[in-house]
C-alpha atoms as a PDB file:
ATOM      1  CA  MET A   1      13.447  -8.435  18.609  1.00  0.00           C
ATOM      2  CA  VAL A   2      15.202  -6.823  15.432  1.00  0.00           C
ATOM      3  CA  THR A   3      19.264  -6.060  15.430  1.00  0.00           C
ATOM      4  CA  SER A   4      21.390  -4.165  12.675  1.00  0.00           C
ATOM      5  CA  SER A   5      21.934  -7.342  11.468  1.00  0.00           C
ATOM      6  CA  GLN A   6      19.083  -8.996  10.785  1.00  0.00           C
ATOM      7  CA  PRO A   7      16.224  -8.749   7.820  1.00  0.00           C
ATOM      8  CA  LEU A   8      12.711  -7.813   9.352  1.00  0.00           C
ATOM      9  CA  PRO A   9      11.550 -11.149  10.824  1.00  0.00           C
ATOM     10  CA  ARG A  10       8.106 -12.347   8.979  1.00  0.00           C
ATOM     11  CA  LEU A  11       4.843 -12.951  11.095  1.00  0.00           C
ATOM     12  CA  ARG A  12       1.980 -15.397   9.420  1.00  0.00           C
ATOM     13  CA  ASP A  13      -0.426 -15.465  12.528  1.00  0.00           C
ATOM     14  CA  PRO A  14      -3.214 -13.754  11.213  1.00  0.00           C
ATOM     15  CA  ASP A  15      -4.512 -12.438  14.590  1.00  0.00           C
ATOM     16  CA  GLU A  16      -1.317 -10.912  15.234  1.00  0.00           C
ATOM     17  CA  LEU A  17      -0.962  -9.058  11.442  1.00  0.00           C
ATOM     18  CA  ARG A  18      -4.698  -8.016  12.440  1.00  0.00           C
ATOM     19  CA  GLU A  19      -3.547  -6.508  15.646  1.00  0.00           C
ATOM     20  CA  ILE A  20      -0.908  -4.745  13.665  1.00  0.00           C
ATOM     21  CA  ALA A  21      -3.246  -3.487  11.175  1.00  0.00           C
ATOM     22  CA  ARG A  22      -5.310  -2.011  13.791  1.00  0.00           C
ATOM     23  CA  GLN A  23      -2.845  -0.020  15.451  1.00  0.00           C
ATOM     24  CA  LEU A  24      -1.438   1.281  12.122  1.00  0.00           C
ATOM     25  CA  ARG A  25      -4.619   2.600  11.317  1.00  0.00           C
ATOM     26  CA  VAL A  26      -4.812   4.661  14.465  1.00  0.00           C
ATOM     27  CA  SER A  27      -1.502   6.031  13.256  1.00  0.00           C
ATOM     28  CA  ILE A  28      -2.600   7.249  10.264  1.00  0.00           C
ATOM     29  CA  VAL A  29      -5.777   8.832  11.513  1.00  0.00           C
ATOM     30  CA  ARG A  30      -3.695  10.590  14.246  1.00  0.00           C
ATOM     31  CA  MET A  31      -0.622  11.430  12.057  1.00  0.00           C
ATOM     32  CA  ILE A  32      -3.222  13.047   9.303  1.00  0.00           C
ATOM     33  CA  HIS A  33      -5.349  14.812  12.068  1.00  0.00           C
ATOM     34  CA  ARG A  34      -2.437  16.125  12.998  1.00  0.00           C
ATOM     35  CA  SER A  35      -1.504  17.398   9.966  1.00  0.00           C
ATOM     36  CA  GLY A  36      -4.504  18.927   8.940  1.00  0.00           C
ATOM     37  CA  SER A  37      -4.185  17.413   5.608  1.00  0.00           C
ATOM     38  CA  GLY A  38      -3.590  14.117   3.853  1.00  0.00           C
ATOM     39  CA  HIS A  39      -5.535  11.358   2.008  1.00  0.00           C
ATOM     40  CA  THR A  40      -7.810   9.396   5.264  1.00  0.00           C
ATOM     41  CA  GLY A  41      -9.997   6.867   3.432  1.00  0.00           C
ATOM     42  CA  SER A  42      -7.377   6.240   0.166  1.00  0.00           C
ATOM     43  CA  SER A  43      -5.072   5.574   3.221  1.00  0.00           C
ATOM     44  CA  LEU A  44      -7.084   3.220   5.276  1.00  0.00           C
ATOM     45  CA  SER A  45      -8.054   1.349   2.471  1.00  0.00           C
ATOM     46  CA  CYS A  46      -4.744  -0.248   1.730  1.00  0.00           C
ATOM     47  CA  VAL A  47      -3.806  -0.392   5.238  1.00  0.00           C
ATOM     48  CA  ASP A  48      -4.317  -4.698   5.625  1.00  0.00           C
ATOM     49  CA  ILE A  49      -2.247  -5.568   1.975  1.00  0.00           C
ATOM     50  CA  LEU A  50       0.716  -3.284   3.188  1.00  0.00           C
ATOM     51  CA  THR A  51       0.444  -5.182   6.497  1.00  0.00           C
ATOM     52  CA  ALA A  52       0.886  -8.430   4.873  1.00  0.00           C
ATOM     53  CA  LEU A  53       3.806  -7.425   2.590  1.00  0.00           C
ATOM     54  CA  TYR A  54       5.784  -5.909   5.465  1.00  0.00           C
ATOM     55  CA  PHE A  55       5.553  -7.933   8.266  1.00  0.00           C
ATOM     56  CA  ALA A  56       4.193 -11.514   6.779  1.00  0.00           C
ATOM     57  CA  GLU A  57       5.944 -11.332   3.212  1.00  0.00           C
ATOM     58  CA  MET A  58       8.819  -9.122   1.833  1.00  0.00           C
ATOM     59  CA  ARG A  59      12.364  -9.284   2.741  1.00  0.00           C
ATOM     60  CA  HIS A  60      13.186  -6.411   3.986  1.00  0.00           C
ATOM     61  CA  HIS A  61      16.098  -4.400   6.215  1.00  0.00           C
ATOM     62  CA  PRO A  62      15.260  -1.541   8.350  1.00  0.00           C
ATOM     63  CA  PHE A  63      18.588  -0.990   9.634  1.00  0.00           C
ATOM     64  CA  ARG A  64      19.947  -1.720   6.302  1.00  0.00           C
ATOM     65  CA  PRO A  65      17.332   0.578   3.448  1.00  0.00           C
ATOM     66  CA  ASP A  66      19.525  -0.064   0.468  1.00  0.00           C
ATOM     67  CA  TRP A  67      20.140  -4.181   1.528  1.00  0.00           C
ATOM     68  CA  LYS A  68      20.727  -5.658  -1.949  1.00  0.00           C
ATOM     69  CA  ASP A  69      18.888  -8.744  -1.510  1.00  0.00           C
ATOM     70  CA  ARG A  70      15.648  -6.882  -0.319  1.00  0.00           C
ATOM     71  CA  ASP A  71      12.361  -7.350  -1.649  1.00  0.00           C
ATOM     72  CA  ARG A  72      10.763  -3.828  -3.175  1.00  0.00           C
ATOM     73  CA  PHE A  73       7.546  -2.272  -2.672  1.00  0.00           C
ATOM     74  CA  VAL A  74       6.187   0.473  -4.920  1.00  0.00           C
ATOM     75  CA  LEU A  75       3.167   2.328  -3.725  1.00  0.00           C
ATOM     76  CA  SER A  76       1.717   3.677  -7.337  1.00  0.00           C
ATOM     77  CA  LYS A  77      -1.714   4.959  -5.181  1.00  0.00           C
ATOM     78  CA  GLY A  78       1.003   7.814  -3.643  1.00  0.00           C
ATOM     79  CA  HIS A  79      -1.624   9.941  -2.192  1.00  0.00           C
ATOM     80  CA  ALA A  80      -2.028   7.248   0.554  1.00  0.00           C
ATOM     81  CA  ALA A  81       1.430   7.965   1.672  1.00  0.00           C
ATOM     82  CA  PRO A  82       0.262   7.928   5.151  1.00  0.00           C
ATOM     83  CA  ALA A  83      -0.367   3.856   5.493  1.00  0.00           C
ATOM     84  CA  LEU A  84       3.265   3.621   3.786  1.00  0.00           C
ATOM     85  CA  TYR A  85       4.733   6.016   6.393  1.00  0.00           C
ATOM     86  CA  ALA A  86       3.145   4.511   9.279  1.00  0.00           C
ATOM     87  CA  VAL A  87       4.538   1.014   8.099  1.00  0.00           C
ATOM     88  CA  LEU A  88       8.023   2.145   7.758  1.00  0.00           C
ATOM     89  CA  GLN A  89       7.687   3.616  11.354  1.00  0.00           C
ATOM     90  CA  ARG A  90       6.540   0.336  13.036  1.00  0.00           C
ATOM     91  CA  CYS A  91       9.105  -1.694  11.040  1.00  0.00           C
ATOM     92  CA  GLY A  92      12.042   0.915  12.441  1.00  0.00           C
ATOM     93  CA  TYR A  93      12.640   3.010   8.997  1.00  0.00           C
ATOM     94  CA  ILE A  94      11.844   6.155  10.448  1.00  0.00           C
ATOM     95  CA  ALA A  95      10.643   7.402  14.174  1.00  0.00           C
ATOM     96  CA  GLN A  96       7.962   8.440  15.727  1.00  0.00           C
ATOM     97  CA  ASP A  97       8.982  12.126  15.417  1.00  0.00           C
ATOM     98  CA  ASP A  98       8.956  11.846  11.499  1.00  0.00           C
ATOM     99  CA  LEU A  99       5.534  10.828  11.744  1.00  0.00           C
ATOM    100  CA  ASN A 100       4.546  14.385  13.691  1.00  0.00           C
ATOM    101  CA  ARG A 101       5.783  16.233  11.207  1.00  0.00           C
ATOM    102  CA  LEU A 102       3.829  14.742   8.369  1.00  0.00           C
ATOM    103  CA  ARG A 103       3.419  17.339   5.442  1.00  0.00           C
ATOM    104  CA  THR A 104       5.410  19.843   7.020  1.00  0.00           C
ATOM    105  CA  LEU A 105       8.147  22.080   6.207  1.00  0.00           C
ATOM    106  CA  SER A 106      11.421  20.063   5.483  1.00  0.00           C
ATOM    107  CA  SER A 107      10.016  16.738   6.664  1.00  0.00           C
ATOM    108  CA  ILE A 108      11.161  13.954   5.015  1.00  0.00           C
ATOM    109  CA  LEU A 109       7.125  12.908   5.047  1.00  0.00           C
ATOM    110  CA  GLN A 110       5.619  14.575   2.266  1.00  0.00           C
ATOM    111  CA  GLY A 111       2.636  14.749   1.051  1.00  0.00           C
ATOM    112  CA  HIS A 112       3.417  12.172  -1.298  1.00  0.00           C
ATOM    113  CA  PRO A 113       6.564   9.591  -1.329  1.00  0.00           C
ATOM    114  CA  ASP A 114       9.962  11.033  -1.545  1.00  0.00           C
ATOM    115  CA  SER A 115      12.909   8.181  -2.482  1.00  0.00           C
ATOM    116  CA  ARG A 116      14.982  10.802  -2.015  1.00  0.00           C
ATOM    117  CA  ARG A 117      14.642  11.717   1.317  1.00  0.00           C
ATOM    118  CA  CYS A 118      12.685   9.120   3.047  1.00  0.00           C
ATOM    119  CA  PRO A 119      14.138   5.445   4.067  1.00  0.00           C
ATOM    120  CA  GLY A 120      12.445   2.817   2.700  1.00  0.00           C
ATOM    121  CA  VAL A 121      10.690   3.945   0.155  1.00  0.00           C
ATOM    122  CA  GLU A 122      11.651   2.456  -3.032  1.00  0.00           C
ATOM    123  CA  ALA A 123      10.374   5.360  -5.653  1.00  0.00           C
ATOM    124  CA  SER A 124       8.759   8.735  -5.489  1.00  0.00           C
ATOM    125  CA  THR A 125       4.752   8.437  -6.546  1.00  0.00           C
ATOM    126  CA  GLY A 126       1.853  10.579  -6.805  1.00  0.00           C
ATOM    127  CA  SER A 127       1.437  11.321 -10.399  1.00  0.00           C
ATOM    128  CA  LEU A 128      -0.742   8.297 -11.007  1.00  0.00           C
ATOM    129  CA  GLY A 129      -0.346   5.398 -13.608  1.00  0.00           C
ATOM    130  CA  GLN A 130       3.662   5.222 -13.094  1.00  0.00           C
ATOM    131  CA  GLY A 131       4.175   3.092 -10.524  1.00  0.00           C
ATOM    132  CA  LEU A 132       3.449  -0.062 -12.172  1.00  0.00           C
ATOM    133  CA  SER A 133       6.265   0.726 -15.317  1.00  0.00           C
ATOM    134  CA  ILE A 134       8.487   1.645 -12.171  1.00  0.00           C
ATOM    135  CA  ALA A 135       7.640  -1.520 -10.572  1.00  0.00           C
ATOM    136  CA  HIS A 136       8.183  -3.505 -13.772  1.00  0.00           C
ATOM    137  CA  GLY A 137      11.623  -2.207 -14.489  1.00  0.00           C
ATOM    138  CA  MET A 138      12.668  -3.108 -11.068  1.00  0.00           C
ATOM    139  CA  ALA A 139      11.682  -7.256 -11.538  1.00  0.00           C
ATOM    140  CA  LEU A 140      13.026  -6.936 -14.895  1.00  0.00           C
ATOM    141  CA  ALA A 141      16.321  -5.189 -13.667  1.00  0.00           C
ATOM    142  CA  LEU A 142      16.266  -7.663 -10.510  1.00  0.00           C
ATOM    143  CA  ARG A 143      15.131 -11.197 -12.472  1.00  0.00           C
ATOM    144  CA  ASP A 144      18.459 -13.127 -12.772  1.00  0.00           C
ATOM    145  CA  ARG A 145      19.902 -12.048  -9.334  1.00  0.00           C
ATOM    146  CA  ARG A 146      20.068 -14.375  -6.855  1.00  0.00           C
ATOM    147  CA  PRO A 147      18.427 -15.061  -4.353  1.00  0.00           C
ATOM    148  CA  GLN A 148      16.081 -13.351  -6.610  1.00  0.00           C
ATOM    149  CA  PRO A 149      14.316 -10.107  -5.142  1.00  0.00           C
ATOM    150  CA  ARG A 150      10.333  -9.863  -5.414  1.00  0.00           C
ATOM    151  CA  ILE A 151       8.786  -6.484  -6.622  1.00  0.00           C
ATOM    152  CA  TYR A 152       5.174  -5.241  -5.239  1.00  0.00           C
ATOM    153  CA  ALA A 153       3.187  -2.519  -6.175  1.00  0.00           C
ATOM    154  CA  VAL A 154      -0.292  -0.962  -4.710  1.00  0.00           C
ATOM    155  CA  LEU A 155      -2.159   0.679  -7.473  1.00  0.00           C
ATOM    156  CA  GLY A 156      -5.865   2.272  -6.946  1.00  0.00           C
ATOM    157  CA  ASP A 157      -8.565   0.964  -9.117  1.00  0.00           C
ATOM    158  CA  GLY A 158      -9.240   4.805 -10.725  1.00  0.00           C
ATOM    159  CA  GLU A 159      -5.550   4.904 -11.338  1.00  0.00           C
ATOM    160  CA  LEU A 160      -6.304   1.849 -13.763  1.00  0.00           C
ATOM    161  CA  GLN A 161      -7.677   4.532 -16.156  1.00  0.00           C
ATOM    162  CA  GLU A 162      -4.220   5.701 -17.506  1.00  0.00           C
ATOM    163  CA  GLY A 163      -3.241   4.154 -20.581  1.00  0.00           C
ATOM    164  CA  GLN A 164       0.505   3.672 -18.919  1.00  0.00           C
ATOM    165  CA  VAL A 165      -0.648   1.397 -16.517  1.00  0.00           C
ATOM    166  CA  TRP A 166      -1.708  -0.841 -19.473  1.00  0.00           C
ATOM    167  CA  GLU A 167       1.476  -0.181 -21.333  1.00  0.00           C
ATOM    168  CA  ALA A 168       3.731  -1.482 -18.156  1.00  0.00           C
ATOM    169  CA  ALA A 169       0.757  -4.408 -18.023  1.00  0.00           C
ATOM    170  CA  MET A 170       1.730  -5.554 -21.572  1.00  0.00           C
ATOM    171  CA  SER A 171       5.273  -4.932 -20.958  1.00  0.00           C
ATOM    172  CA  ALA A 172       5.505  -7.078 -18.050  1.00  0.00           C
ATOM    173  CA  ALA A 173       3.594 -10.078 -19.520  1.00  0.00           C
ATOM    174  CA  HIS A 174       5.743 -10.297 -22.803  1.00  0.00           C
ATOM    175  CA  TYR A 175       9.101 -10.367 -20.749  1.00  0.00           C
ATOM    176  CA  ARG A 176       7.383 -12.464 -18.222  1.00  0.00           C
ATOM    177  CA  THR A 177       8.348 -10.667 -14.995  1.00  0.00           C
ATOM    178  CA  ALA A 178       7.201 -13.319 -12.386  1.00  0.00           C
ATOM    179  CA  ASN A 179       9.014 -11.553  -9.563  1.00  0.00           C
ATOM    180  CA  LEU A 180       6.276  -9.091  -9.960  1.00  0.00           C
ATOM    181  CA  CYS A 181       3.483  -8.786  -8.216  1.00  0.00           C
ATOM    182  CA  ALA A 182       0.504  -5.987  -8.240  1.00  0.00           C
ATOM    183  CA  PHE A 183      -1.919  -5.221  -6.158  1.00  0.00           C
ATOM    184  CA  VAL A 184      -5.363  -3.127  -7.362  1.00  0.00           C
ATOM    185  CA  ASP A 185      -6.521  -1.300  -3.941  1.00  0.00           C
ATOM    186  CA  HIS A 186     -10.413  -1.693  -5.879  1.00  0.00           C
ATOM    187  CA  ASN A 187     -12.553   0.121  -3.119  1.00  0.00           C
ATOM    188  CA  GLY A 188     -14.798   1.872  -6.416  1.00  0.00           C
ATOM    189  CA  LEU A 189     -14.190   5.295  -5.526  1.00  0.00           C
ATOM    190  CA  GLN A 190     -11.892   8.213  -6.351  1.00  0.00           C
ATOM    191  CA  ILE A 191     -11.456  11.924  -6.211  1.00  0.00           C
ATOM    192  CA  ASP A 192     -14.651  12.817  -8.238  1.00  0.00           C
ATOM    193  CA  GLY A 193     -17.007  10.405  -7.060  1.00  0.00           C
ATOM    194  CA  PHE A 194     -17.456   6.437  -8.162  1.00  0.00           C
ATOM    195  CA  VAL A 195     -15.085   4.860 -10.695  1.00  0.00           C
ATOM    196  CA  GLN A 196     -18.113   2.732 -12.017  1.00  0.00           C
ATOM    197  CA  GLN A 197     -19.946   6.240 -12.677  1.00  0.00           C
ATOM    198  CA  ILE A 198     -16.456   8.559 -13.719  1.00  0.00           C
ATOM    199  CA  MET A 199     -15.059   5.915 -16.087  1.00  0.00           C
ATOM    200  CA  SER A 200     -15.595   2.451 -15.347  1.00  0.00           C
ATOM    201  CA  VAL A 201     -12.342   0.090 -15.567  1.00  0.00           C
ATOM    202  CA  GLU A 202     -14.443  -3.293 -15.219  1.00  0.00           C
ATOM    203  CA  PRO A 203     -13.548  -5.797 -15.838  1.00  0.00           C
ATOM    204  CA  VAL A 204     -10.725  -5.302 -14.052  1.00  0.00           C
ATOM    205  CA  LEU A 205      -9.553  -8.846 -13.359  1.00  0.00           C
ATOM    206  CA  ASP A 206     -10.460 -10.187 -16.900  1.00  0.00           C
ATOM    207  CA  LYS A 207      -8.529  -7.956 -18.542  1.00  0.00           C
ATOM    208  CA  PHE A 208      -5.396  -8.642 -16.425  1.00  0.00           C
ATOM    209  CA  ALA A 209      -5.445 -12.040 -17.270  1.00  0.00           C
ATOM    210  CA  ALA A 210      -6.659 -11.261 -21.231  1.00  0.00           C
ATOM    211  CA  PHE A 211      -2.696  -9.448 -20.986  1.00  0.00           C
ATOM    212  CA  GLY A 212      -1.229 -12.854 -19.777  1.00  0.00           C
ATOM    213  CA  TRP A 213      -1.111 -12.204 -15.928  1.00  0.00           C
ATOM    214  CA  ASN A 214      -1.943 -14.621 -13.311  1.00  0.00           C
ATOM    215  CA  ALA A 215      -5.251 -13.083 -12.159  1.00  0.00           C
ATOM    216  CA  LEU A 216      -6.453 -13.335  -8.764  1.00  0.00           C
ATOM    217  CA  SER A 217      -8.781 -11.721  -7.052  1.00  0.00           C
ATOM    218  CA  ILE A 218     -10.025 -11.317  -2.874  1.00  0.00           C
ATOM    219  CA  ASP A 219     -11.394  -9.663  -0.578  1.00  0.00           C
ATOM    220  CA  GLY A 220      -8.697  -7.111   0.676  1.00  0.00           C
ATOM    221  CA  HIS A 221      -9.451  -7.352   4.393  1.00  0.00           C
ATOM    222  CA  ASP A 222      -9.061 -10.697   4.753  1.00  0.00           C
ATOM    223  CA  MET A 223      -5.803 -11.149   6.177  1.00  0.00           C
ATOM    224  CA  PRO A 224      -5.656 -15.231   5.430  1.00  0.00           C
ATOM    225  CA  ALA A 225      -7.002 -14.316   1.811  1.00  0.00           C
ATOM    226  CA  ILE A 226      -4.000 -11.816   1.326  1.00  0.00           C
ATOM    227  CA  LEU A 227      -1.705 -14.329   2.682  1.00  0.00           C
ATOM    228  CA  ARG A 228      -2.810 -17.066   0.241  1.00  0.00           C
ATOM    229  CA  ALA A 229      -3.030 -14.910  -2.547  1.00  0.00           C
ATOM    230  CA  LEU A 230       0.993 -14.077  -2.125  1.00  0.00           C
ATOM    231  CA  ASP A 231       1.547 -17.611  -1.690  1.00  0.00           C
ATOM    232  CA  GLU A 232      -0.156 -18.319  -5.119  1.00  0.00           C
ATOM    233  CA  ALA A 233       1.650 -15.540  -6.513  1.00  0.00           C
ATOM    234  CA  ARG A 234       5.106 -16.684  -5.183  1.00  0.00           C
ATOM    235  CA  VAL A 235       4.976 -19.982  -6.715  1.00  0.00           C
ATOM    236  CA  CYS A 236       3.897 -18.376 -10.190  1.00  0.00           C
ATOM    237  CA  THR A 237       7.155 -18.362 -12.423  1.00  0.00           C
ATOM    238  CA  ASP A 238       5.985 -17.903 -15.781  1.00  0.00           C
ATOM    239  CA  LYS A 239       4.161 -14.735 -16.007  1.00  0.00           C
ATOM    240  CA  PRO A 240       3.608 -11.671 -13.387  1.00  0.00           C
ATOM    241  CA  THR A 241       0.766 -11.692 -10.877  1.00  0.00           C
ATOM    242  CA  VAL A 242      -1.980  -8.970  -9.984  1.00  0.00           C
ATOM    243  CA  ILE A 243      -4.373  -9.296  -7.167  1.00  0.00           C
ATOM    244  CA  VAL A 244      -7.195  -7.618  -7.283  1.00  0.00           C
ATOM    245  CA  ALA A 245      -8.441  -6.866  -3.830  1.00  0.00           C
ATOM    246  CA  LYS A 246     -11.873  -5.685  -3.242  1.00  0.00           C
ATOM    247  CA  THR A 247     -11.327  -2.936  -0.327  1.00  0.00           C
ATOM    248  CA  VAL A 248     -13.322  -0.095   1.095  1.00  0.00           C
ATOM    249  CA  LYS A 249     -12.310   3.390   1.546  1.00  0.00           C
ATOM    250  CA  GLY A 250     -11.754   4.687   5.007  1.00  0.00           C
ATOM    251  CA  LYS A 251     -11.733   0.982   6.252  1.00  0.00           C
ATOM    252  CA  GLY A 252     -11.877   0.674  10.163  1.00  0.00           C
ATOM    253  CA  VAL A 253     -13.828   3.753  10.706  1.00  0.00           C
ATOM    254  CA  SER A 254     -17.993   4.094   9.981  1.00  0.00           C
ATOM    255  CA  ILE A 255     -17.973   8.092   9.147  1.00  0.00           C
ATOM    256  CA  PHE A 256     -15.344   7.550   6.498  1.00  0.00           C
ATOM    257  CA  GLU A 257     -16.171   4.369   5.387  1.00  0.00           C
ATOM    258  CA  ASN A 258     -17.288   4.360   1.538  1.00  0.00           C
ATOM    259  CA  LYS A 259     -17.364   8.328   1.603  1.00  0.00           C
ATOM    260  CA  VAL A 260     -15.916  10.216  -1.694  1.00  0.00           C
ATOM    261  CA  GLU A 261     -15.468  13.006   0.604  1.00  0.00           C
ATOM    262  CA  TRP A 262     -12.865  11.521   2.997  1.00  0.00           C
ATOM    263  CA  HIS A 263     -10.375  11.091   0.016  1.00  0.00           C
ATOM    264  CA  GLY A 264      -8.761  13.860   0.676  1.00  0.00           C
ATOM    265  CA  LYS A 265      -9.603  15.168   3.706  1.00  0.00           C
ATOM    266  CA  ALA A 266      -8.329  15.199   7.517  1.00  0.00           C
ATOM    267  CA  PRO A 267     -10.068  14.682  10.735  1.00  0.00           C
ATOM    268  CA  ASN A 268     -10.976  17.272  12.847  1.00  0.00           C
ATOM    269  CA  ASP A 269     -10.845  16.849  16.984  1.00  0.00           C
ATOM    270  CA  LYS A 270     -14.419  15.449  16.728  1.00  0.00           C
ATOM    271  CA  HIS A 271     -13.839  13.272  13.891  1.00  0.00           C
ATOM    272  CA  LEU A 272     -10.416  11.490  15.974  1.00  0.00           C
ATOM    273  CA  ALA A 273     -12.728  10.907  18.990  1.00  0.00           C
ATOM    274  CA  ILE A 274     -14.928   9.060  16.890  1.00  0.00           C
ATOM    275  CA  ALA A 275     -11.984   6.979  14.885  1.00  0.00           C
ATOM    276  CA  LEU A 276     -10.323   6.120  17.912  1.00  0.00           C
ATOM    277  CA  ARG A 277     -12.874   4.830  19.811  1.00  0.00           C
ATOM    278  CA  GLU A 278     -14.039   2.730  16.591  1.00  0.00           C
ATOM    279  CA  LEU A 279     -10.641   1.234  16.569  1.00  0.00           C
ATOM    280  CA  GLY A 280     -10.151   0.409  20.116  1.00  0.00           C
ATOM    281  CA  GLU A 281      -8.029   3.388  21.557  1.00  0.00           C
ATOM    282  CA  PRO A 282      -8.875   5.356  24.254  1.00  0.00           C
ATOM    283  CA  VAL A 283      -9.801   8.669  23.840  1.00  0.00           C
ATOM    284  CA  GLU A 284     -10.438  12.000  25.649  1.00  0.00           C
ATOM    285  CA  GLU A 285     -13.841  13.770  23.960  1.00  0.00           C
ATOM    286  CA  PRO A 286     -13.574  16.849  22.564  1.00  0.00           C
ATOM    287  CA  SER A 287     -15.550  19.398  24.799  1.00  0.00           C
END
């Protein structure tokens, strides 16, 4: 049990982490359904990554969000905020009632993360392309601190169309900020359609490697693979690491999976019933 004097304990059992991820998906679809607004597909694709980071990898302290020795996380794809909010609530940074007020007037949980108002949010994000620069700045500023905090970021693959991403990639490689680890949530879809058709960003892995990064590729829903990649990133001491995670937009609910229309649409009562049933939750069918 976490107390106010302890950082959150880190878990390593993949089955336990998978169950947390399942519960987080339930929280996300309920939250967005209640709000009537939000990015369902984008949030569900990165849940397993956030679960591994917050419950297995990162050193952080829900009762002391400003703890100086904490690891930091930047959600560059800020429209996937419901995934981050579900994680923060599960960790203890915010309350269930906060989730119930997603995107409502005066809520601390806006459509994109607000670091000024929401405990545990390290950076206000949402304008795509900026998060990697923010994360690199944090890593550069903190790399001489002991113990050295690690900085993690999650980017969308469509976001890689932004030139600022590659400026940050070049800078991080040049300054060898090895305490920086970025995930690319490579689900293949963006708001307008398939990334490959809108503007291809391939070959993502080779591009980061050419920029001088330690570049890894994994199945972004395979929990042991995520944990192994994080282990590899931690022992790389001479360059930043990128983990290109192949994911499925809307992962976990068949009616959402690989559907571009669910990039930023909220489920109605019927959709929610289907989602909860597929996620293994009891549900009352709508009349």
